[in-house]
Amino acid sequence: FTIMRNFKLWQSIVQEASTAPMAIVKFLCCVYATKTFFVDVTYCPGPSMLPTMNTSGGSGDVVLTDRFSPRLGRIGRGDIVVVRSPENPRKLITKRIIAMENDNI
């Protein structure tokens, strides 16, 4: 009888111990999917986006960037985009689209 009680005790401990890590793994998977496919948080320093984005005092703005619209081709004139710098691929730059393909400037 005591062996069965100890087994049930250990079974409940193992079950509870496996529930918490699974919740953490599910949460991290949701964060990864959201950041990869839907929205991302981006820090935008520098004066190139004044006055749209507040960069006074060198603090910059923290913005949510939409990752869904580019996949659907919904980028247009006047939109602000975040792209990798051609000079330093580890750096992100923020620019406003002023013209589209085949536009004359």
C-alpha atoms as a PDB file:
ATOM      1  CA  PHE A   1       0.000   0.000   0.000  1.00  0.00           C
ATOM      2  CA  THR A   2       2.810   2.457   0.818  1.00  0.00           C
ATOM      3  CA  ILE A   3       4.522   1.680  -2.483  1.00  0.00           C
ATOM      4  CA  MET A   4       1.365   2.629  -4.353  1.00  0.00           C
ATOM      5  CA  ARG A   5       1.010   5.861  -2.335  1.00  0.00           C
ATOM      6  CA  ASN A   6       4.652   6.777  -3.036  1.00  0.00           C
ATOM      7  CA  PHE A   7       4.142   6.001  -6.734  1.00  0.00           C
ATOM      8  CA  LYS A   8       1.120   8.311  -6.891  1.00  0.00           C
ATOM      9  CA  LEU A   9       3.073  11.006  -5.052  1.00  0.00           C
ATOM     10  CA  TRP A  10       5.980  10.750  -7.495  1.00  0.00           C
ATOM     11  CA  GLN A  11       3.605  10.605 -10.433  1.00  0.00           C
ATOM     12  CA  SER A  12       1.949  13.876  -9.372  1.00  0.00           C
ATOM     13  CA  ILE A  13       5.356  15.518  -8.810  1.00  0.00           C
ATOM     14  CA  VAL A  14       6.582  14.496 -12.272  1.00  0.00           C
ATOM     15  CA  GLN A  15       3.328  15.585 -13.881  1.00  0.00           C
ATOM     16  CA  GLU A  16       3.471  19.013 -12.226  1.00  0.00           C
ATOM     17  CA  ALA A  17       7.172  19.417 -13.046  1.00  0.00           C
ATOM     18  CA  SER A  18       6.532  18.739 -16.717  1.00  0.00           C
ATOM     19  CA  THR A  19       3.584  21.150 -16.957  1.00  0.00           C
ATOM     20  CA  ALA A  20       5.504  24.357 -16.139  1.00  0.00           C
ATOM     21  CA  PRO A  21       8.305  23.874 -18.707  1.00  0.00           C
ATOM     22  CA  MET A  22       5.744  23.013 -21.388  1.00  0.00           C
ATOM     23  CA  ALA A  23       3.917  26.274 -20.677  1.00  0.00           C
ATOM     24  CA  ILE A  24       7.202  28.171 -21.019  1.00  0.00           C
ATOM     25  CA  VAL A  25       8.028  26.386 -24.286  1.00  0.00           C
ATOM     26  CA  LYS A  26       4.568  27.175 -25.697  1.00  0.00           C
ATOM     27  CA  PHE A  27       4.939  30.833 -24.686  1.00  0.00           C
ATOM     28  CA  LEU A  28       8.380  31.089 -26.321  1.00  0.00           C
ATOM     29  CA  CYS A  29       7.038  29.472 -29.511  1.00  0.00           C
ATOM     30  CA  CYS A  30       4.224  32.052 -29.618  1.00  0.00           C
ATOM     31  CA  VAL A  31       6.701  34.902 -29.107  1.00  0.00           C
ATOM     32  CA  TYR A  32       8.949  33.554 -31.875  1.00  0.00           C
ATOM     33  CA  ALA A  33       6.068  33.144 -34.336  1.00  0.00           C
ATOM     34  CA  THR A  34       4.676  36.600 -33.538  1.00  0.00           C
ATOM     35  CA  LYS A  35       8.077  38.269 -33.896  1.00  0.00           C
ATOM     36  CA  THR A  36       8.912  36.415 -37.111  1.00  0.00           C
ATOM     37  CA  PHE A  37       5.614  36.671 -38.987  1.00  0.00           C
ATOM     38  CA  PHE A  38       3.455  39.473 -37.536  1.00  0.00           C
ATOM     39  CA  VAL A  39       5.094  42.290 -35.529  1.00  0.00           C
ATOM     40  CA  ASP A  40       8.511  43.134 -34.154  1.00  0.00           C
ATOM     41  CA  VAL A  41       9.826  45.792 -31.797  1.00  0.00           C
ATOM     42  CA  THR A  42      12.421  48.081 -33.383  1.00  0.00           C
ATOM     43  CA  TYR A  43      14.537  50.890 -31.939  1.00  0.00           C
ATOM     44  CA  CYS A  44      14.843  53.860 -34.346  1.00  0.00           C
ATOM     45  CA  PRO A  45      17.668  56.252 -33.397  1.00  0.00           C
ATOM     46  CA  GLY A  46      18.972  59.104 -35.526  1.00  0.00           C
ATOM     47  CA  PRO A  47      17.584  62.301 -37.060  1.00  0.00           C
ATOM     48  CA  SER A  48      16.592  60.956 -40.494  1.00  0.00           C
ATOM     49  CA  MET A  49      12.931  60.475 -39.511  1.00  0.00           C
ATOM     50  CA  LEU A  50      12.327  63.843 -37.802  1.00  0.00           C
ATOM     51  CA  PRO A  51       9.637  65.103 -37.129  1.00  0.00           C
ATOM     52  CA  THR A  52       7.672  61.847 -37.608  1.00  0.00           C
ATOM     53  CA  MET A  53       9.727  59.952 -35.042  1.00  0.00           C
ATOM     54  CA  ASN A  54      10.993  61.620 -31.906  1.00  0.00           C
ATOM     55  CA  THR A  55      14.771  61.464 -31.722  1.00  0.00           C
ATOM     56  CA  SER A  56      15.346  64.492 -29.511  1.00  0.00           C
ATOM     57  CA  GLY A  57      18.063  64.034 -26.952  1.00  0.00           C
ATOM     58  CA  GLY A  58      19.442  61.052 -28.845  1.00  0.00           C
ATOM     59  CA  SER A  59      16.903  58.747 -27.241  1.00  0.00           C
ATOM     60  CA  GLY A  60      15.100  57.616 -30.400  1.00  0.00           C
ATOM     61  CA  ASP A  61      11.740  55.885 -30.628  1.00  0.00           C
ATOM     62  CA  VAL A  62      10.732  52.305 -30.032  1.00  0.00           C
ATOM     63  CA  VAL A  63       8.155  51.268 -32.633  1.00  0.00           C
ATOM     64  CA  LEU A  64       6.198  48.165 -33.597  1.00  0.00           C
ATOM     65  CA  THR A  65       7.002  47.117 -37.144  1.00  0.00           C
ATOM     66  CA  ASP A  66       4.474  45.212 -39.229  1.00  0.00           C
ATOM     67  CA  ARG A  67       5.925  42.088 -40.846  1.00  0.00           C
ATOM     68  CA  PHE A  68       2.660  40.974 -42.427  1.00  0.00           C
ATOM     69  CA  SER A  69       2.055  43.729 -45.014  1.00  0.00           C
ATOM     70  CA  PRO A  70       5.318  43.240 -46.957  1.00  0.00           C
ATOM     71  CA  ARG A  71       4.451  39.574 -47.470  1.00  0.00           C
ATOM     72  CA  LEU A  72       1.142  40.647 -49.028  1.00  0.00           C
ATOM     73  CA  GLY A  73       2.715  43.390 -51.160  1.00  0.00           C
ATOM     74  CA  ARG A  74       0.924  46.192 -49.320  1.00  0.00           C
ATOM     75  CA  ILE A  75       3.799  48.674 -49.157  1.00  0.00           C
ATOM     76  CA  GLY A  76       3.128  52.049 -50.714  1.00  0.00           C
ATOM     77  CA  ARG A  77       4.236  55.630 -51.035  1.00  0.00           C
ATOM     78  CA  GLY A  78       4.541  57.360 -47.658  1.00  0.00           C
ATOM     79  CA  ASP A  79       5.051  54.160 -45.645  1.00  0.00           C
ATOM     80  CA  ILE A  80       7.939  53.895 -43.221  1.00  0.00           C
ATOM     81  CA  VAL A  81      10.046  50.765 -43.647  1.00  0.00           C
ATOM     82  CA  VAL A  82      12.799  49.179 -41.586  1.00  0.00           C
ATOM     83  CA  VAL A  83      15.500  47.476 -43.664  1.00  0.00           C
ATOM     84  CA  ARG A  84      19.018  46.141 -43.188  1.00  0.00           C
ATOM     85  CA  SER A  85      21.792  48.605 -43.975  1.00  0.00           C
ATOM     86  CA  PRO A  86      23.713  47.722 -47.158  1.00  0.00           C
ATOM     87  CA  GLU A  87      26.931  48.952 -45.516  1.00  0.00           C
ATOM     88  CA  ASN A  88      26.468  47.072 -42.229  1.00  0.00           C
ATOM     89  CA  PRO A  89      24.011  44.138 -42.473  1.00  0.00           C
ATOM     90  CA  ARG A  90      23.831  43.860 -38.669  1.00  0.00           C
ATOM     91  CA  LYS A  91      22.328  47.368 -38.471  1.00  0.00           C
ATOM     92  CA  LEU A  92      18.679  48.266 -39.193  1.00  0.00           C
ATOM     93  CA  ILE A  93      17.792  51.580 -40.822  1.00  0.00           C
ATOM     94  CA  THR A  94      14.425  53.347 -40.988  1.00  0.00           C
ATOM     95  CA  LYS A  95      13.342  55.128 -44.184  1.00  0.00           C
ATOM     96  CA  ARG A  96      10.173  56.566 -45.725  1.00  0.00           C
ATOM     97  CA  ILE A  97       9.141  55.418 -49.205  1.00  0.00           C
ATOM     98  CA  ILE A  98       8.835  58.460 -51.473  1.00  0.00           C
ATOM     99  CA  ALA A  99       8.471  56.663 -54.809  1.00  0.00           C
ATOM    100  CA  MET A 100       7.479  53.271 -56.123  1.00  0.00           C
ATOM    101  CA  GLU A 101       8.728  51.269 -59.073  1.00  0.00           C
ATOM    102  CA  ASN A 102       8.465  53.141 -62.409  1.00  0.00           C
ATOM    103  CA  ASP A 103       7.870  56.533 -60.680  1.00  0.00           C
ATOM    104  CA  ASN A 104       9.793  59.613 -61.885  1.00  0.00           C
ATOM    105  CA  ILE A 105      11.360  61.757 -59.185  1.00  0.00           C
END
